[in-house]
PDB file of N, CA and C in Angstrom:
ATOM      1  N   MET A   1      64.300  -7.247  59.044  1.00  0.00           N
ATOM      2  CA  MET A   1      63.560  -7.358  57.808  1.00  0.00           C
ATOM      3  C   MET A   1      62.246  -8.109  58.027  1.00  0.00           C
ATOM      4  N   LYS A   2      62.334  -9.175  58.825  1.00  0.00           N
ATOM      5  CA  LYS A   2      61.150  -9.982  59.095  1.00  0.00           C
ATOM      6  C   LYS A   2      60.081  -9.148  59.801  1.00  0.00           C
ATOM      7  N   ARG A   3      60.498  -8.311  60.745  1.00  0.00           N
ATOM      8  CA  ARG A   3      59.558  -7.451  61.473  1.00  0.00           C
ATOM      9  C   ARG A   3      58.905  -6.445  60.542  1.00  0.00           C
ATOM     10  N   LEU A   4      59.674  -5.928  59.599  1.00  0.00           N
ATOM     11  CA  LEU A   4      59.134  -4.963  58.641  1.00  0.00           C
ATOM     12  C   LEU A   4      58.048  -5.605  57.786  1.00  0.00           C
ATOM     13  N   VAL A   5      58.283  -6.810  57.330  1.00  0.00           N
ATOM     14  CA  VAL A   5      57.298  -7.516  56.505  1.00  0.00           C
ATOM     15  C   VAL A   5      56.037  -7.788  57.319  1.00  0.00           C
ATOM     16  N   ILE A   6      56.196  -8.233  58.528  1.00  0.00           N
ATOM     17  CA  ILE A   6      55.046  -8.523  59.384  1.00  0.00           C
ATOM     18  C   ILE A   6      54.282  -7.237  59.692  1.00  0.00           C
ATOM     19  N   SER A   7      54.992  -6.173  60.041  1.00  0.00           N
ATOM     20  CA  SER A   7      54.350  -4.887  60.348  1.00  0.00           C
ATOM     21  C   SER A   7      53.570  -4.364  59.145  1.00  0.00           C
ATOM     22  N   THR A   8      54.171  -4.458  57.997  1.00  0.00           N
ATOM     23  CA  THR A   8      53.516  -3.989  56.775  1.00  0.00           C
ATOM     24  C   THR A   8      52.273  -4.819  56.476  1.00  0.00           C
ATOM     25  N   SER A   9      52.373  -6.122  56.652  1.00  0.00           N
ATOM     26  CA  SER A   9      51.221  -6.999  56.413  1.00  0.00           C
ATOM     27  C   SER A   9      50.077  -6.686  57.366  1.00  0.00           C
ATOM     28  N   VAL A  10      50.384  -6.490  58.629  1.00  0.00           N
ATOM     29  CA  VAL A  10      49.361  -6.162  59.622  1.00  0.00           C
ATOM     30  C   VAL A  10      48.711  -4.823  59.288  1.00  0.00           C
ATOM     31  N   ALA A  11      49.512  -3.839  58.921  1.00  0.00           N
ATOM     32  CA  ALA A  11      48.973  -2.525  58.566  1.00  0.00           C
ATOM     33  C   ALA A  11      48.066  -2.615  57.346  1.00  0.00           C
ATOM     34  N   ALA A  12      48.439  -3.427  56.369  1.00  0.00           N
ATOM     35  CA  ALA A  12      47.613  -3.601  55.168  1.00  0.00           C
ATOM     36  C   ALA A  12      46.288  -4.272  55.512  1.00  0.00           C
ATOM     37  N   LEU A  13      46.320  -5.259  56.374  1.00  0.00           N
ATOM     38  CA  LEU A  13      45.082  -5.937  56.780  1.00  0.00           C
ATOM     39  C   LEU A  13      44.160  -4.985  57.529  1.00  0.00           C
ATOM     40  N   ILE A  14      44.711  -4.169  58.399  1.00  0.00           N
ATOM     41  CA  ILE A  14      43.895  -3.206  59.149  1.00  0.00           C
ATOM     42  C   ILE A  14      43.282  -2.187  58.205  1.00  0.00           C
ATOM     43  N   ALA A  15      44.070  -1.666  57.290  1.00  0.00           N
ATOM     44  CA  ALA A  15      43.564  -0.677  56.332  1.00  0.00           C
ATOM     45  C   ALA A  15      42.484  -1.288  55.440  1.00  0.00           C
ATOM     46  N   GLY A  16      42.686  -2.522  55.017  1.00  0.00           N
ATOM     47  CA  GLY A  16      41.688  -3.199  54.194  1.00  0.00           C
ATOM     48  C   GLY A  16      40.395  -3.426  54.952  1.00  0.00           C
ATOM     49  N   GLY A  17      40.491  -3.801  56.210  1.00  0.00           N
ATOM     50  CA  GLY A  17      39.294  -3.998  57.029  1.00  0.00           C
ATOM     51  C   GLY A  17      38.529  -2.712  57.238  1.00  0.00           C
ATOM     52  N   ALA A  18      39.243  -1.615  57.420  1.00  0.00           N
ATOM     53  CA  ALA A  18      38.586  -0.319  57.588  1.00  0.00           C
ATOM     54  C   ALA A  18      37.855   0.069  56.320  1.00  0.00           C
ATOM     55  N   GLY A  19      38.417  -0.264  55.171  1.00  0.00           N
ATOM     56  CA  GLY A  19      37.753   0.038  53.900  1.00  0.00           C
ATOM     57  C   GLY A  19      36.439  -0.704  53.770  1.00  0.00           C
ATOM     58  N   PHE A  20      36.413  -1.983  54.160  1.00  0.00           N
ATOM     59  CA  PHE A  20      35.171  -2.746  54.106  1.00  0.00           C
ATOM     60  C   PHE A  20      34.144  -2.216  55.090  1.00  0.00           C
ATOM     61  N   ALA A  21      34.584  -1.756  56.241  1.00  0.00           N
ATOM     62  CA  ALA A  21      33.661  -1.252  57.254  1.00  0.00           C
ATOM     63  C   ALA A  21      32.912  -0.015  56.773  1.00  0.00           C
ATOM     64  N   PHE A  22      33.554   0.794  55.933  1.00  0.00           N
ATOM     65  CA  PHE A  22      32.931   2.026  55.456  1.00  0.00           C
ATOM     66  C   PHE A  22      32.394   1.912  54.039  1.00  0.00           C
ATOM     67  N   ALA A  23      32.376   0.700  53.480  1.00  0.00           N
ATOM     68  CA  ALA A  23      31.987   0.526  52.086  1.00  0.00           C
ATOM     69  C   ALA A  23      30.482   0.612  51.865  1.00  0.00           C
ATOM     70  N   GLY A  24      29.660   0.292  52.862  1.00  0.00           N
ATOM     71  CA  GLY A  24      28.218   0.299  52.687  1.00  0.00           C
ATOM     72  C   GLY A  24      27.665   1.703  52.508  1.00  0.00           C
ATOM     73  N   GLN A  25      26.631   1.810  51.687  1.00  0.00           N
ATOM     74  CA  GLN A  25      26.004   3.110  51.487  1.00  0.00           C
ATOM     75  C   GLN A  25      25.177   3.449  52.722  1.00  0.00           C
ATOM     76  N   PRO A  26      25.306   4.657  53.251  1.00  0.00           N
ATOM     77  CA  PRO A  26      24.582   4.978  54.480  1.00  0.00           C
ATOM     78  C   PRO A  26      23.075   5.029  54.272  1.00  0.00           C
ATOM     79  N   GLY A  27      22.347   4.596  55.285  1.00  0.00           N
ATOM     80  CA  GLY A  27      20.895   4.662  55.263  1.00  0.00           C
ATOM     81  C   GLY A  27      20.406   5.933  55.931  1.00  0.00           C
ATOM     82  N   PRO A  28      19.131   5.993  56.251  1.00  0.00           N
ATOM     83  CA  PRO A  28      18.565   7.219  56.804  1.00  0.00           C
ATOM     84  C   PRO A  28      19.130   7.626  58.152  1.00  0.00           C
ATOM     85  N   ASN A  29      19.686   6.690  58.896  1.00  0.00           N
ATOM     86  CA  ASN A  29      20.269   7.062  60.181  1.00  0.00           C
ATOM     87  C   ASN A  29      21.789   7.089  60.130  1.00  0.00           C
ATOM     88  N   GLY A  30      22.354   7.101  58.913  1.00  0.00           N
ATOM     89  CA  GLY A  30      23.796   7.174  58.760  1.00  0.00           C
ATOM     90  C   GLY A  30      24.496   5.834  58.787  1.00  0.00           C
ATOM     91  N   HIS A  31      23.758   4.755  58.805  1.00  0.00           N
ATOM     92  CA  HIS A  31      24.344   3.426  58.843  1.00  0.00           C
ATOM     93  C   HIS A  31      23.963   2.652  57.587  1.00  0.00           C
ATOM     94  N   ASN A  32      24.390   1.452  57.514  1.00  0.00           N
ATOM     95  CA  ASN A  32      24.173   0.607  56.356  1.00  0.00           C
ATOM     96  C   ASN A  32      22.702   0.240  56.177  1.00  0.00           C
ATOM     97  N   ASN A  33      22.171   0.446  54.975  1.00  0.00           N
ATOM     98  CA  ASN A  33      20.772   0.126  54.681  1.00  0.00           C
ATOM     99  C   ASN A  33      20.455  -1.346  54.916  1.00  0.00           C
ATOM    100  N   TRP A  34      21.343  -2.226  54.470  1.00  0.00           N
ATOM    101  CA  TRP A  34      21.046  -3.644  54.581  1.00  0.00           C
ATOM    102  C   TRP A  34      20.839  -4.049  56.031  1.00  0.00           C
ATOM    103  N   GLY A  35      21.725  -3.616  56.902  1.00  0.00           N
ATOM    104  CA  GLY A  35      21.601  -3.976  58.309  1.00  0.00           C
ATOM    105  C   GLY A  35      20.337  -3.437  58.939  1.00  0.00           C
ATOM    106  N   LEU A  36      19.991  -2.205  58.607  1.00  0.00           N
ATOM    107  CA  LEU A  36      18.795  -1.589  59.169  1.00  0.00           C
ATOM    108  C   LEU A  36      17.536  -2.271  58.640  1.00  0.00           C
ATOM    109  N   CYS A  37      17.494  -2.511  57.332  1.00  0.00           N
ATOM    110  CA  CYS A  37      16.332  -3.190  56.748  1.00  0.00           C
ATOM    111  C   CYS A  37      16.215  -4.624  57.259  1.00  0.00           C
ATOM    112  N   ASN A  38      17.347  -5.290  57.404  1.00  0.00           N
ATOM    113  CA  ASN A  38      17.346  -6.661  57.911  1.00  0.00           C
ATOM    114  C   ASN A  38      16.827  -6.700  59.346  1.00  0.00           C
ATOM    115  N   ALA A  39      17.289  -5.780  60.174  1.00  0.00           N
ATOM    116  CA  ALA A  39      16.821  -5.731  61.565  1.00  0.00           C
ATOM    117  C   ALA A  39      15.334  -5.414  61.622  1.00  0.00           C
ATOM    118  N   TYR A  40      14.879  -4.494  60.776  1.00  0.00           N
ATOM    119  CA  TYR A  40      13.460  -4.132  60.742  1.00  0.00           C
ATOM    120  C   TYR A  40      12.612  -5.360  60.390  1.00  0.00           C
ATOM    121  N   ALA A  41      13.057  -6.104  59.385  1.00  0.00           N
ATOM    122  CA  ALA A  41      12.305  -7.273  58.930  1.00  0.00           C
ATOM    123  C   ALA A  41      12.254  -8.372  59.993  1.00  0.00           C
ATOM    124  N   HIS A  42      13.283  -8.474  60.813  1.00  0.00           N
ATOM    125  CA  HIS A  42      13.349  -9.550  61.808  1.00  0.00           C
ATOM    126  C   HIS A  42      12.964  -9.109  63.209  1.00  0.00           C
ATOM    127  N   ASN A  43      12.493  -7.891  63.376  1.00  0.00           N
ATOM    128  CA  ASN A  43      12.230  -7.370  64.710  1.00  0.00           C
ATOM    129  C   ASN A  43      10.829  -7.675  65.230  1.00  0.00           C
ATOM    130  N   GLY A  44       9.951  -8.156  64.416  1.00  0.00           N
ATOM    131  CA  GLY A  44       8.639  -8.565  64.901  1.00  0.00           C
ATOM    132  C   GLY A  44       7.553  -7.511  64.818  1.00  0.00           C
ATOM    133  N   GLY A  45       7.855  -6.313  64.421  1.00  0.00           N
ATOM    134  CA  GLY A  45       6.826  -5.282  64.235  1.00  0.00           C
ATOM    135  C   GLY A  45       6.286  -4.743  65.541  1.00  0.00           C
ATOM    136  N   GLY A  46       5.109  -4.146  65.439  1.00  0.00           N
ATOM    137  CA  GLY A  46       4.467  -3.573  66.615  1.00  0.00           C
ATOM    138  C   GLY A  46       5.232  -2.405  67.187  1.00  0.00           C
ATOM    139  N   ASN A  47       5.232  -2.282  68.513  1.00  0.00           N
ATOM    140  CA  ASN A  47       5.900  -1.160  69.177  1.00  0.00           C
ATOM    141  C   ASN A  47       7.411  -1.176  69.009  1.00  0.00           C
ATOM    142  N   SER A  48       7.988  -2.336  68.750  1.00  0.00           N
ATOM    143  CA  SER A  48       9.442  -2.397  68.591  1.00  0.00           C
ATOM    144  C   SER A  48       9.901  -1.609  67.365  1.00  0.00           C
ATOM    145  N   HIS A  49       9.015  -1.395  66.414  1.00  0.00           N
ATOM    146  CA  HIS A  49       9.363  -0.601  65.234  1.00  0.00           C
ATOM    147  C   HIS A  49       9.344   0.897  65.532  1.00  0.00           C
ATOM    148  N   ASN A  50       9.034   1.289  66.764  1.00  0.00           N
ATOM    149  CA  ASN A  50       9.070   2.702  67.153  1.00  0.00           C
ATOM    150  C   ASN A  50      10.453   3.141  67.624  1.00  0.00           C
ATOM    151  N   ALA A  51      11.410   2.215  67.692  1.00  0.00           N
ATOM    152  CA  ALA A  51      12.775   2.576  68.094  1.00  0.00           C
ATOM    153  C   ALA A  51      13.323   3.621  67.119  1.00  0.00           C
ATOM    154  N   LYS A  52      14.222   4.479  67.596  1.00  0.00           N
ATOM    155  CA  LYS A  52      14.712   5.606  66.790  1.00  0.00           C
ATOM    156  C   LYS A  52      15.224   5.216  65.401  1.00  0.00           C
ATOM    157  N   PRO A  53      16.063   4.178  65.266  1.00  0.00           N
ATOM    158  CA  PRO A  53      16.535   3.848  63.915  1.00  0.00           C
ATOM    159  C   PRO A  53      15.401   3.418  62.989  1.00  0.00           C
ATOM    160  N   PHE A  54      14.435   2.674  63.541  1.00  0.00           N
ATOM    161  CA  PHE A  54      13.311   2.225  62.724  1.00  0.00           C
ATOM    162  C   PHE A  54      12.381   3.383  62.394  1.00  0.00           C
ATOM    163  N   ALA A  55      12.214   4.302  63.329  1.00  0.00           N
ATOM    164  CA  ALA A  55      11.399   5.491  63.064  1.00  0.00           C
ATOM    165  C   ALA A  55      12.025   6.319  61.947  1.00  0.00           C
ATOM    166  N   ALA A  56      13.360   6.440  61.940  1.00  0.00           N
ATOM    167  CA  ALA A  56      14.045   7.162  60.869  1.00  0.00           C
ATOM    168  C   ALA A  56      13.857   6.455  59.526  1.00  0.00           C
ATOM    169  N   LEU A  57      13.896   5.138  59.542  1.00  0.00           N
ATOM    170  CA  LEU A  57      13.680   4.358  58.322  1.00  0.00           C
ATOM    171  C   LEU A  57      12.254   4.553  57.814  1.00  0.00           C
ATOM    172  N   ALA A  58      11.268   4.528  58.714  1.00  0.00           N
ATOM    173  CA  ALA A  58       9.871   4.730  58.323  1.00  0.00           C
ATOM    174  C   ALA A  58       9.648   6.141  57.788  1.00  0.00           C
ATOM    175  N   THR A  59      10.311   7.122  58.387  1.00  0.00           N
ATOM    176  CA  THR A  59      10.204   8.499  57.907  1.00  0.00           C
ATOM    177  C   THR A  59      10.785   8.610  56.501  1.00  0.00           C
ATOM    178  N   GLU A  60      11.926   7.983  56.292  1.00  0.00           N
ATOM    179  CA  GLU A  60      12.557   7.987  54.964  1.00  0.00           C
ATOM    180  C   GLU A  60      11.646   7.325  53.932  1.00  0.00           C
ATOM    181  N   ALA A  61      11.014   6.218  54.308  1.00  0.00           N
ATOM    182  CA  ALA A  61      10.147   5.495  53.377  1.00  0.00           C
ATOM    183  C   ALA A  61       8.861   6.266  53.104  1.00  0.00           C
ATOM    184  N   GLY A  62       8.311   6.925  54.137  1.00  0.00           N
ATOM    185  CA  GLY A  62       7.049   7.660  53.957  1.00  0.00           C
ATOM    186  C   GLY A  62       5.969   6.762  53.390  1.00  0.00           C
ATOM    187  N   ASP A  63       5.173   7.298  52.471  1.00  0.00           N
ATOM    188  CA  ASP A  63       4.169   6.493  51.765  1.00  0.00           C
ATOM    189  C   ASP A  63       4.790   6.038  50.449  1.00  0.00           C
ATOM    190  N   TYR A  64       5.810   5.198  50.576  1.00  0.00           N
ATOM    191  CA  TYR A  64       6.639   4.822  49.437  1.00  0.00           C
ATOM    192  C   TYR A  64       5.865   4.112  48.334  1.00  0.00           C
ATOM    193  N   ASN A  65       4.916   3.262  48.726  1.00  0.00           N
ATOM    194  CA  ASN A  65       4.178   2.520  47.707  1.00  0.00           C
ATOM    195  C   ASN A  65       2.958   3.282  47.182  1.00  0.00           C
ATOM    196  N   GLY A  66       2.700   4.476  47.713  1.00  0.00           N
ATOM    197  CA  GLY A  66       1.651   5.350  47.187  1.00  0.00           C
ATOM    198  C   GLY A  66       0.225   4.881  47.405  1.00  0.00           C
ATOM    199  N   ASP A  67      -0.011   4.071  48.434  1.00  0.00           N
ATOM    200  CA  ASP A  67      -1.369   3.579  48.673  1.00  0.00           C
ATOM    201  C   ASP A  67      -2.177   4.462  49.622  1.00  0.00           C
ATOM    202  N   GLY A  68      -1.605   5.587  50.057  1.00  0.00           N
ATOM    203  CA  GLY A  68      -2.324   6.514  50.919  1.00  0.00           C
ATOM    204  C   GLY A  68      -2.139   6.271  52.397  1.00  0.00           C
ATOM    205  N   THR A  69      -1.431   5.206  52.766  1.00  0.00           N
ATOM    206  CA  THR A  69      -1.147   4.933  54.175  1.00  0.00           C
ATOM    207  C   THR A  69       0.359   4.776  54.355  1.00  0.00           C
ATOM    208  N   THR A  70       0.819   5.094  55.548  1.00  0.00           N
ATOM    209  CA  THR A  70       2.225   4.903  55.879  1.00  0.00           C
ATOM    210  C   THR A  70       2.302   3.737  56.847  1.00  0.00           C
ATOM    211  N   ASP A  71       2.876   2.624  56.395  1.00  0.00           N
ATOM    212  CA  ASP A  71       2.918   1.420  57.215  1.00  0.00           C
ATOM    213  C   ASP A  71       4.153   0.592  56.892  1.00  0.00           C
ATOM    214  N   GLU A  72       4.216  -0.628  57.442  1.00  0.00           N
ATOM    215  CA  GLU A  72       5.363  -1.506  57.231  1.00  0.00           C
ATOM    216  C   GLU A  72       5.598  -1.810  55.760  1.00  0.00           C
ATOM    217  N   ASN A  73       4.525  -1.904  54.986  1.00  0.00           N
ATOM    218  CA  ASN A  73       4.678  -2.220  53.564  1.00  0.00           C
ATOM    219  C   ASN A  73       5.497  -1.157  52.840  1.00  0.00           C
ATOM    220  N   ASP A  74       5.391   0.094  53.268  1.00  0.00           N
ATOM    221  CA  ASP A  74       6.186   1.161  52.673  1.00  0.00           C
ATOM    222  C   ASP A  74       7.670   0.958  52.973  1.00  0.00           C
ATOM    223  N   VAL A  75       7.973   0.560  54.204  1.00  0.00           N
ATOM    224  CA  VAL A  75       9.362   0.325  54.588  1.00  0.00           C
ATOM    225  C   VAL A  75       9.926  -0.843  53.792  1.00  0.00           C
ATOM    226  N   TYR A  76       9.165  -1.926  53.669  1.00  0.00           N
ATOM    227  CA  TYR A  76       9.633  -3.082  52.910  1.00  0.00           C
ATOM    228  C   TYR A  76       9.859  -2.720  51.444  1.00  0.00           C
ATOM    229  N   ALA A  77       8.967  -1.922  50.863  1.00  0.00           N
ATOM    230  CA  ALA A  77       9.124  -1.500  49.468  1.00  0.00           C
ATOM    231  C   ALA A  77      10.352  -0.608  49.310  1.00  0.00           C
ATOM    232  N   TRP A  78      10.556   0.317  50.256  1.00  0.00           N
ATOM    233  CA  TRP A  78      11.728   1.191  50.209  1.00  0.00           C
ATOM    234  C   TRP A  78      13.005   0.375  50.290  1.00  0.00           C
ATOM    235  N   CYS A  79      13.035  -0.573  51.222  1.00  0.00           N
ATOM    236  CA  CYS A  79      14.220  -1.410  51.385  1.00  0.00           C
ATOM    237  C   CYS A  79      14.488  -2.225  50.120  1.00  0.00           C
ATOM    238  N   ALA A  80      13.447  -2.782  49.522  1.00  0.00           N
ATOM    239  CA  ALA A  80      13.622  -3.587  48.314  1.00  0.00           C
ATOM    240  C   ALA A  80      14.136  -2.742  47.156  1.00  0.00           C
ATOM    241  N   ASP A  81      13.618  -1.544  46.987  1.00  0.00           N
ATOM    242  CA  ASP A  81      14.026  -0.685  45.875  1.00  0.00           C
ATOM    243  C   ASP A  81      15.408  -0.085  46.067  1.00  0.00           C
ATOM    244  N   ASN A  82      15.892  -0.077  47.281  1.00  0.00           N
ATOM    245  CA  ASN A  82      17.225   0.454  47.534  1.00  0.00           C
ATOM    246  C   ASN A  82      18.253  -0.667  47.632  1.00  0.00           C
ATOM    247  N   GLY A  83      17.915  -1.825  47.073  1.00  0.00           N
ATOM    248  CA  GLY A  83      18.849  -2.943  47.040  1.00  0.00           C
ATOM    249  C   GLY A  83      19.008  -3.658  48.363  1.00  0.00           C
ATOM    250  N   GLN A  84      18.084  -3.461  49.254  1.00  0.00           N
ATOM    251  CA  GLN A  84      18.190  -4.039  50.590  1.00  0.00           C
ATOM    252  C   GLN A  84      16.947  -4.861  50.875  1.00  0.00           C
ATOM    253  N   LYS A  85      16.921  -6.071  50.413  1.00  0.00           N
ATOM    254  CA  LYS A  85      15.739  -6.915  50.589  1.00  0.00           C
ATOM    255  C   LYS A  85      15.505  -7.216  52.067  1.00  0.00           C
ATOM    256  N   PRO A  86      14.271  -7.007  52.551  1.00  0.00           N
ATOM    257  CA  PRO A  86      13.976  -7.403  53.941  1.00  0.00           C
ATOM    258  C   PRO A  86      14.253  -8.875  54.139  1.00  0.00           C
ATOM    259  N   GLY A  87      14.765  -9.215  55.273  1.00  0.00           N
ATOM    260  CA  GLY A  87      15.105 -10.603  55.558  1.00  0.00           C
ATOM    261  C   GLY A  87      16.511 -10.946  55.095  1.00  0.00           C
ATOM    262  N   GLY A  88      17.228  -9.985  54.554  1.00  0.00           N
ATOM    263  CA  GLY A  88      18.612 -10.224  54.146  1.00  0.00           C
ATOM    264  C   GLY A  88      18.751 -10.995  52.868  1.00  0.00           C
ATOM    265  N   LYS A  89      17.728 -11.008  52.020  1.00  0.00           N
ATOM    266  CA  LYS A  89      17.785 -11.776  50.761  1.00  0.00           C
ATOM    267  C   LYS A  89      17.938 -10.862  49.587  1.00  0.00           C
TER     268      LYS A  89
END
């Protein structure tokens, strides 16, 4: 009986953890928006923002703020409007 209770508890914890892992809404590269926006904000800009996940994020953002240029400000605006504040705030 004791083993059954322990086994059931472990299975419930694993299932609950899997639910949290998949709870985030996917971003442009199929992953969590918050993590991608947070990494973008803390990555330092420049050429490092040319990495594939960041390029996908920039493509998704496009000219999000409508100022006629596609730049970091568009990504930050996209992240903020999608509930993902740059810097993790």
